[in-house]
Structures are given as C-alpha cells and as structure tokens.
Amino acid sequence: MSRSPPAWIWERICSRSALGLAPPLLAPPPRQTTSALEIDPEAAARLSEELAVTNVTVQVGDATHRPLPDQSFDSFGCFTMLHHVATAHAQFQILCAIHRLLRPCGVLVGADSLASQELHEFHEGDTYNPMDPARLLVFL
C-alpha cells in the first residue's frame, strides 16, 4: 500500500507540507482564509482535526482539477510534494492551475528535494517522480 503524500495548503494559498509541520508555519492572521487540499480522505481527516481551532478549511481533492475562479488566490506554497505527482504532465497541470488561480503579482513559494538514490529507496512502493530544477524553470 502506498503512503499518502502530505496535504496541500491553499492560503488563498496552495502548498503541500508534512502533516503536523506546516500548520504552525503557515497559519495566517485571522482575517485571511486558508484552505488545505488533500487527495487522501484519511489524511484530510487527520489534518482537519489538527487544524480544528484555526481558520484553515481542509478539502479532499486533486490539485490538477480545482474548479475555482481565476485569479482568486494571493499566494501559493508548494512544499515537498511535486515529487509525489506521478507524471511530468500532471506536475505541469498543477503549475498551470496555480498560475490560473494566482492574482496579478501573486506569489508562488515552493521547495522540493533534489533527486537522489536515498530518496528513491525511501519512496519504494510510493510515487517518486523528482522534478529537475531546470525543467521547473521551463514550466514556470
């Protein structure tokens, strides 16, 4: 059975982070809206419990297909998750969705791991599709 990748955080943002790690780092001021998008229902339920006393709403869904209005987010964070996306095409779809949803002068902040044999072995039985930084620059 595959481990589920961590959740996306959409702060009128979008990011992917390890459960339990990102909420303290990404918790917005009370007047802002933050949503988390998690593809795995069980992980979404755990994240929802962890964020119950915050202004973060957790949704179950796929980041490549989000029926949200264009230019409806100020920023996106995408942390340590793109390598969990099975194909380069799907990674590109996610980046296109972020571009479509960002307001003018919006910000995308992200980080992911560089490919390594250790990470390949760590992800045995799980999706592992690291993105070459040069390819990311082309996508952007």
Protein backbone atom coordinates (compact mmCIF):
# COMPACT_ATOMS: atom_id res chain seq x y z
CA MET A 1 0.00 0.00 0.00
CA SER A 2 1.29 3.44 -0.91
CA ARG A 3 1.85 6.11 1.72
CA SER A 4 -0.24 9.15 1.07
CA PRO A 5 1.61 12.33 0.25
CA PRO A 6 1.11 15.24 2.64
CA ALA A 7 -1.62 17.84 2.24
CA TRP A 8 -1.80 20.95 0.09
CA ILE A 9 -2.35 24.20 1.89
CA TRP A 10 -4.20 26.86 -0.09
CA GLU A 11 -3.90 30.23 1.61
CA ARG A 12 -5.96 31.75 -0.58
CA ILE A 13 -2.61 29.82 -0.74
CA CYS A 14 -1.65 26.39 -2.03
CA SER A 15 1.09 24.26 -0.59
CA ARG A 16 1.96 20.76 0.28
CA SER A 17 3.52 20.05 3.65
CA ALA A 18 4.12 17.31 6.13
CA LEU A 19 1.16 16.75 8.43
CA GLY A 20 1.82 18.45 11.73
CA LEU A 21 4.69 20.54 10.37
CA ALA A 22 3.11 23.24 8.24
CA PRO A 23 0.15 24.44 10.34
CA PRO A 24 2.30 26.45 12.78
CA LEU A 25 4.43 27.77 9.92
CA LEU A 26 1.58 28.72 7.60
CA ALA A 27 -1.19 29.73 9.99
CA PRO A 28 -2.46 33.07 8.62
CA PRO A 29 -3.76 36.03 10.58
CA PRO A 30 -7.47 35.56 11.48
CA ARG A 31 -8.73 37.85 8.70
CA GLN A 32 -7.22 35.67 5.95
CA THR A 33 -8.68 32.48 4.56
CA THR A 34 -6.57 29.38 4.27
CA SER A 35 -7.62 26.08 2.77
CA ALA A 36 -5.83 22.76 2.69
CA LEU A 37 -6.32 20.37 -0.20
CA GLU A 38 -5.52 16.71 0.44
CA ILE A 39 -6.07 13.92 -2.06
CA ASP A 40 -6.26 11.21 0.63
CA PRO A 41 -9.51 11.31 2.68
CA GLU A 42 -7.90 9.78 5.80
CA ALA A 43 -5.01 12.26 5.74
CA ALA A 44 -7.53 15.08 5.19
CA ALA A 45 -9.49 13.97 8.27
CA ARG A 46 -6.30 13.93 10.41
CA LEU A 47 -5.27 17.36 9.11
CA SER A 48 -8.77 18.71 9.72
CA GLU A 49 -8.55 17.57 13.36
CA GLU A 50 -5.12 19.16 13.78
CA LEU A 51 -6.38 22.47 12.35
CA ALA A 52 -9.80 22.48 14.03
CA VAL A 53 -9.07 25.59 16.14
CA THR A 54 -7.64 27.59 13.24
CA ASN A 55 -9.21 29.33 10.25
CA VAL A 56 -7.97 26.60 7.90
CA THR A 57 -10.54 24.58 5.97
CA VAL A 58 -9.49 21.15 4.75
CA GLN A 59 -10.89 19.85 1.46
CA VAL A 60 -10.46 16.47 -0.22
CA GLY A 61 -9.48 16.79 -3.86
CA ASP A 62 -6.97 16.64 -6.68
CA ALA A 63 -4.80 19.71 -7.27
CA THR A 64 -4.75 19.16 -11.03
CA HIS A 65 -8.53 19.70 -11.26
CA ARG A 66 -9.73 22.52 -8.99
CA PRO A 67 -12.92 24.27 -10.16
CA LEU A 68 -12.09 27.60 -8.56
CA PRO A 69 -12.38 31.10 -10.04
CA ASP A 70 -9.40 32.50 -11.94
CA GLN A 71 -7.18 34.93 -10.01
CA SER A 72 -8.74 34.02 -6.67
CA PHE A 73 -5.55 33.49 -4.62
CA ASP A 74 -2.84 35.87 -3.47
CA SER A 75 -0.21 33.22 -2.91
CA PHE A 76 0.56 29.54 -3.16
CA GLY A 77 3.07 27.46 -1.28
CA CYS A 78 4.12 24.13 -2.71
CA PHE A 79 6.42 22.31 -0.30
CA THR A 80 7.97 18.88 -0.75
CA MET A 81 5.13 17.47 -2.81
CA LEU A 82 5.71 17.73 -6.56
CA HIS A 83 7.83 14.57 -6.45
CA HIS A 84 4.67 12.74 -5.28
CA VAL A 85 2.95 13.60 -8.58
CA ALA A 86 3.18 10.62 -10.94
CA THR A 87 3.93 12.32 -14.27
CA ALA A 88 5.66 15.42 -15.59
CA HIS A 89 2.38 16.27 -17.35
CA ALA A 90 0.46 16.24 -14.05
CA GLN A 91 3.19 18.35 -12.40
CA PHE A 92 2.79 20.82 -15.26
CA GLN A 93 -1.02 20.77 -14.82
CA ILE A 94 -0.61 21.71 -11.16
CA LEU A 95 1.70 24.60 -12.01
CA CYS A 96 -0.75 25.76 -14.71
CA ALA A 97 -3.60 25.62 -12.18
CA ILE A 98 -1.54 27.70 -9.74
CA HIS A 99 -0.83 30.24 -12.49
CA ARG A 100 -4.52 30.44 -13.40
CA LEU A 101 -5.58 30.88 -9.77
CA LEU A 102 -2.96 33.48 -8.80
CA ARG A 103 -3.98 37.11 -8.84
CA PRO A 104 -1.73 39.55 -10.71
CA CYS A 105 1.51 39.97 -8.74
CA GLY A 106 0.65 36.77 -6.82
CA VAL A 107 3.46 34.73 -5.34
CA LEU A 108 4.38 31.06 -5.64
CA VAL A 109 6.75 29.83 -2.94
CA GLY A 110 8.00 26.28 -3.05
CA ALA A 111 10.67 23.78 -2.25
CA ASP A 112 11.27 20.14 -3.04
CA SER A 113 14.07 17.62 -2.84
CA LEU A 114 16.68 17.02 -5.49
CA ALA A 115 16.71 13.50 -6.91
CA SER A 116 18.89 11.05 -5.02
CA GLN A 117 19.28 7.31 -4.63
CA GLU A 118 18.39 7.61 -0.93
CA LEU A 119 15.07 9.32 -1.72
CA HIS A 120 14.36 6.79 -4.45
CA GLU A 121 14.83 3.98 -1.92
CA PHE A 122 12.80 5.84 0.73
CA HIS A 123 9.87 6.11 -1.69
CA GLU A 124 9.85 2.41 -2.56
CA GLY A 125 6.21 1.44 -3.08
CA ASP A 126 5.22 5.11 -3.34
CA THR A 127 5.17 7.64 -6.16
CA TYR A 128 8.59 9.21 -6.65
CA ASN A 129 8.98 11.50 -9.65
CA PRO A 130 11.51 14.21 -8.79
CA MET A 131 11.44 17.33 -10.91
CA ASP A 132 14.74 18.57 -12.29
CA PRO A 133 15.13 22.27 -11.33
CA ALA A 134 15.88 23.11 -14.99
CA ARG A 135 12.52 21.59 -16.02
CA LEU A 136 10.78 23.61 -13.32
CA LEU A 137 12.22 26.81 -14.78
CA VAL A 138 10.88 25.83 -18.20
CA PHE A 139 7.44 25.11 -16.73
CA LEU A 140 7.36 28.48 -14.99
